[in-house]
Amino acid sequence: MRRLMALMLVAVFSLSLLSGCNTMRGAGEDIEEGGEAIQRSTY
């Protein structure tokens, strides 16, 4: 029973970390696009 519980916890944490990486990558892309827009407006 403890093994099953530990395995389930590892699976949940793994999935949350993967989704967090995707979210951070999306936020990074948004910030980069904002920076590029600022650069284009200064020309």
PDB file of N, CA and C in Angstrom:
ATOM      1  N   MET A   1       0.824  -1.186   0.000  1.00  0.00           N
ATOM      2  CA  MET A   1       0.000   0.000   0.000  1.00  0.00           C
ATOM      3  C   MET A   1       0.876   1.260   0.000  1.00  0.00           C
ATOM      4  N   ARG A   2       1.946   1.267   0.789  1.00  0.00           N
ATOM      5  CA  ARG A   2       2.829   2.429   0.837  1.00  0.00           C
ATOM      6  C   ARG A   2       3.521   2.644  -0.497  1.00  0.00           C
ATOM      7  N   ARG A   3       3.899   1.556  -1.158  1.00  0.00           N
ATOM      8  CA  ARG A   3       4.554   1.675  -2.461  1.00  0.00           C
ATOM      9  C   ARG A   3       3.628   2.316  -3.476  1.00  0.00           C
ATOM     10  N   LEU A   4       2.389   1.901  -3.470  1.00  0.00           N
ATOM     11  CA  LEU A   4       1.406   2.467  -4.397  1.00  0.00           C
ATOM     12  C   LEU A   4       1.208   3.948  -4.121  1.00  0.00           C
ATOM     13  N   MET A   5       1.122   4.309  -2.864  1.00  0.00           N
ATOM     14  CA  MET A   5       0.940   5.714  -2.495  1.00  0.00           C
ATOM     15  C   MET A   5       2.158   6.536  -2.919  1.00  0.00           C
ATOM     16  N   ALA A   6       3.354   6.003  -2.686  1.00  0.00           N
ATOM     17  CA  ALA A   6       4.577   6.706  -3.076  1.00  0.00           C
ATOM     18  C   ALA A   6       4.653   6.862  -4.588  1.00  0.00           C
ATOM     19  N   LEU A   7       4.283   5.823  -5.317  1.00  0.00           N
ATOM     20  CA  LEU A   7       4.290   5.880  -6.780  1.00  0.00           C
ATOM     21  C   LEU A   7       3.297   6.922  -7.284  1.00  0.00           C
ATOM     22  N   MET A   8       2.138   6.990  -6.668  1.00  0.00           N
ATOM     23  CA  MET A   8       1.140   7.979  -7.072  1.00  0.00           C
ATOM     24  C   MET A   8       1.645   9.393  -6.795  1.00  0.00           C
ATOM     25  N   LEU A   9       2.304   9.610  -5.666  1.00  0.00           N
ATOM     26  CA  LEU A   9       2.853  10.931  -5.351  1.00  0.00           C
ATOM     27  C   LEU A   9       3.928  11.341  -6.344  1.00  0.00           C
ATOM     28  N   VAL A  10       4.798  10.407  -6.696  1.00  0.00           N
ATOM     29  CA  VAL A  10       5.846  10.695  -7.678  1.00  0.00           C
ATOM     30  C   VAL A  10       5.215  11.053  -9.019  1.00  0.00           C
ATOM     31  N   ALA A  11       4.186  10.330  -9.427  1.00  0.00           N
ATOM     32  CA  ALA A  11       3.517  10.606 -10.697  1.00  0.00           C
ATOM     33  C   ALA A  11       2.879  11.991 -10.690  1.00  0.00           C
ATOM     34  N   VAL A  12       2.223  12.348  -9.610  1.00  0.00           N
ATOM     35  CA  VAL A  12       1.573  13.659  -9.519  1.00  0.00           C
ATOM     36  C   VAL A  12       2.611  14.776  -9.564  1.00  0.00           C
ATOM     37  N   PHE A  13       3.691  14.638  -8.807  1.00  0.00           N
ATOM     38  CA  PHE A  13       4.733  15.671  -8.803  1.00  0.00           C
ATOM     39  C   PHE A  13       5.411  15.777 -10.169  1.00  0.00           C
ATOM     40  N   SER A  14       5.616  14.644 -10.832  1.00  0.00           N
ATOM     41  CA  SER A  14       6.235  14.672 -12.153  1.00  0.00           C
ATOM     42  C   SER A  14       5.359  15.417 -13.144  1.00  0.00           C
ATOM     43  N   LEU A  15       4.078  15.128 -13.128  1.00  0.00           N
ATOM     44  CA  LEU A  15       3.164  15.814 -14.044  1.00  0.00           C
ATOM     45  C   LEU A  15       3.083  17.303 -13.742  1.00  0.00           C
ATOM     46  N   SER A  16       3.097  17.667 -12.482  1.00  0.00           N
ATOM     47  CA  SER A  16       3.023  19.089 -12.136  1.00  0.00           C
ATOM     48  C   SER A  16       4.296  19.810 -12.554  1.00  0.00           C
ATOM     49  N   LEU A  17       5.441  19.160 -12.450  1.00  0.00           N
ATOM     50  CA  LEU A  17       6.688  19.787 -12.879  1.00  0.00           C
ATOM     51  C   LEU A  17       6.713  19.970 -14.391  1.00  0.00           C
ATOM     52  N   LEU A  18       6.226  18.980 -15.116  1.00  0.00           N
ATOM     53  CA  LEU A  18       6.199  19.093 -16.575  1.00  0.00           C
ATOM     54  C   LEU A  18       5.271  20.208 -17.021  1.00  0.00           C
ATOM     55  N   SER A  19       4.126  20.317 -16.410  1.00  0.00           N
ATOM     56  CA  SER A  19       3.207  21.379 -16.799  1.00  0.00           C
ATOM     57  C   SER A  19       3.757  22.732 -16.392  1.00  0.00           C
ATOM     58  N   GLY A  20       4.487  22.794 -15.305  1.00  0.00           N
ATOM     59  CA  GLY A  20       5.125  24.034 -14.893  1.00  0.00           C
ATOM     60  C   GLY A  20       6.177  24.488 -15.884  1.00  0.00           C
ATOM     61  N   CYS A  21       6.920  23.559 -16.436  1.00  0.00           N
ATOM     62  CA  CYS A  21       7.928  23.909 -17.438  1.00  0.00           C
ATOM     63  C   CYS A  21       7.273  24.486 -18.669  1.00  0.00           C
ATOM     64  N   ASN A  22       6.176  23.892 -19.091  1.00  0.00           N
ATOM     65  CA  ASN A  22       5.476  24.410 -20.254  1.00  0.00           C
ATOM     66  C   ASN A  22       4.948  25.812 -19.983  1.00  0.00           C
ATOM     67  N   THR A  23       4.461  26.044 -18.798  1.00  0.00           N
ATOM     68  CA  THR A  23       3.941  27.361 -18.452  1.00  0.00           C
ATOM     69  C   THR A  23       5.065  28.386 -18.446  1.00  0.00           C
ATOM     70  N   MET A  24       6.196  28.041 -17.878  1.00  0.00           N
ATOM     71  CA  MET A  24       7.326  28.969 -17.827  1.00  0.00           C
ATOM     72  C   MET A  24       7.859  29.252 -19.224  1.00  0.00           C
ATOM     73  N   ARG A  25       7.869  28.243 -20.079  1.00  0.00           N
ATOM     74  CA  ARG A  25       8.335  28.464 -21.442  1.00  0.00           C
ATOM     75  C   ARG A  25       7.395  29.420 -22.159  1.00  0.00           C
ATOM     76  N   GLY A  26       6.098  29.250 -21.970  1.00  0.00           N
ATOM     77  CA  GLY A  26       5.122  30.143 -22.587  1.00  0.00           C
ATOM     78  C   GLY A  26       5.270  31.561 -22.072  1.00  0.00           C
ATOM     79  N   ALA A  27       5.513  31.701 -20.778  1.00  0.00           N
ATOM     80  CA  ALA A  27       5.708  33.040 -20.213  1.00  0.00           C
ATOM     81  C   ALA A  27       6.978  33.666 -20.776  1.00  0.00           C
ATOM     82  N   GLY A  28       8.020  32.880 -20.930  1.00  0.00           N
ATOM     83  CA  GLY A  28       9.268  33.388 -21.504  1.00  0.00           C
ATOM     84  C   GLY A  28       9.081  33.851 -22.933  1.00  0.00           C
ATOM     85  N   GLU A  29       8.304  33.098 -23.706  1.00  0.00           N
ATOM     86  CA  GLU A  29       8.033  33.497 -25.089  1.00  0.00           C
ATOM     87  C   GLU A  29       7.237  34.796 -25.127  1.00  0.00           C
ATOM     88  N   ASP A  30       6.268  34.939 -24.233  1.00  0.00           N
ATOM     89  CA  ASP A  30       5.477  36.171 -24.184  1.00  0.00           C
ATOM     90  C   ASP A  30       6.347  37.369 -23.829  1.00  0.00           C
ATOM     91  N   ILE A  31       7.239  37.199 -22.865  1.00  0.00           N
ATOM     92  CA  ILE A  31       8.131  38.290 -22.471  1.00  0.00           C
ATOM     93  C   ILE A  31       9.066  38.657 -23.622  1.00  0.00           C
ATOM     94  N   GLU A  32       9.559  37.639 -24.310  1.00  0.00           N
ATOM     95  CA  GLU A  32      10.447  37.886 -25.447  1.00  0.00           C
ATOM     96  C   GLU A  32       9.723  38.654 -26.552  1.00  0.00           C
ATOM     97  N   GLU A  33       8.492  38.267 -26.839  1.00  0.00           N
ATOM     98  CA  GLU A  33       7.717  38.979 -27.856  1.00  0.00           C
ATOM     99  C   GLU A  33       7.470  40.424 -27.444  1.00  0.00           C
ATOM    100  N   GLY A  34       7.223  40.659 -26.160  1.00  0.00           N
ATOM    101  CA  GLY A  34       7.044  42.022 -25.665  1.00  0.00           C
ATOM    102  C   GLY A  34       8.305  42.847 -25.846  1.00  0.00           C
ATOM    103  N   GLY A  35       9.454  42.253 -25.544  1.00  0.00           N
ATOM    104  CA  GLY A  35      10.728  42.942 -25.728  1.00  0.00           C
ATOM    105  C   GLY A  35      10.993  43.271 -27.183  1.00  0.00           C
ATOM    106  N   GLU A  36      10.659  42.354 -28.079  1.00  0.00           N
ATOM    107  CA  GLU A  36      10.847  42.605 -29.510  1.00  0.00           C
ATOM    108  C   GLU A  36       9.925  43.726 -29.985  1.00  0.00           C
ATOM    109  N   ALA A  37       8.715  43.780 -29.463  1.00  0.00           N
ATOM    110  CA  ALA A  37       7.795  44.857 -29.834  1.00  0.00           C
ATOM    111  C   ALA A  37       8.347  46.202 -29.383  1.00  0.00           C
ATOM    112  N   ILE A  38       8.941  46.237 -28.204  1.00  0.00           N
ATOM    113  CA  ILE A  38       9.531  47.492 -27.709  1.00  0.00           C
ATOM    114  C   ILE A  38      10.704  47.902 -28.608  1.00  0.00           C
ATOM    115  N   GLN A  39      11.524  46.937 -29.004  1.00  0.00           N
ATOM    116  CA  GLN A  39      12.650  47.249 -29.872  1.00  0.00           C
ATOM    117  C   GLN A  39      12.160  47.790 -31.216  1.00  0.00           C
ATOM    118  N   ARG A  40      11.124  47.185 -31.769  1.00  0.00           N
ATOM    119  CA  ARG A  40      10.601  47.650 -33.066  1.00  0.00           C
ATOM    120  C   ARG A  40      10.044  49.070 -32.952  1.00  0.00           C
ATOM    121  N   SER A  41       9.482  49.412 -31.811  1.00  0.00           N
ATOM    122  CA  SER A  41       8.883  50.731 -31.675  1.00  0.00           C
ATOM    123  C   SER A  41       9.931  51.827 -31.514  1.00  0.00           C
ATOM    124  N   THR A  42      11.171  51.467 -31.175  1.00  0.00           N
ATOM    125  CA  THR A  42      12.195  52.484 -30.979  1.00  0.00           C
ATOM    126  C   THR A  42      12.919  52.832 -32.269  1.00  0.00           C
ATOM    127  N   TYR A  43      12.684  52.102 -33.330  1.00  0.00           N
ATOM    128  CA  TYR A  43      13.388  52.387 -34.600  1.00  0.00           C
ATOM    129  C   TYR A  43      12.782  53.543 -35.310  1.00  0.00           C
TER     130      TYR A  43
END
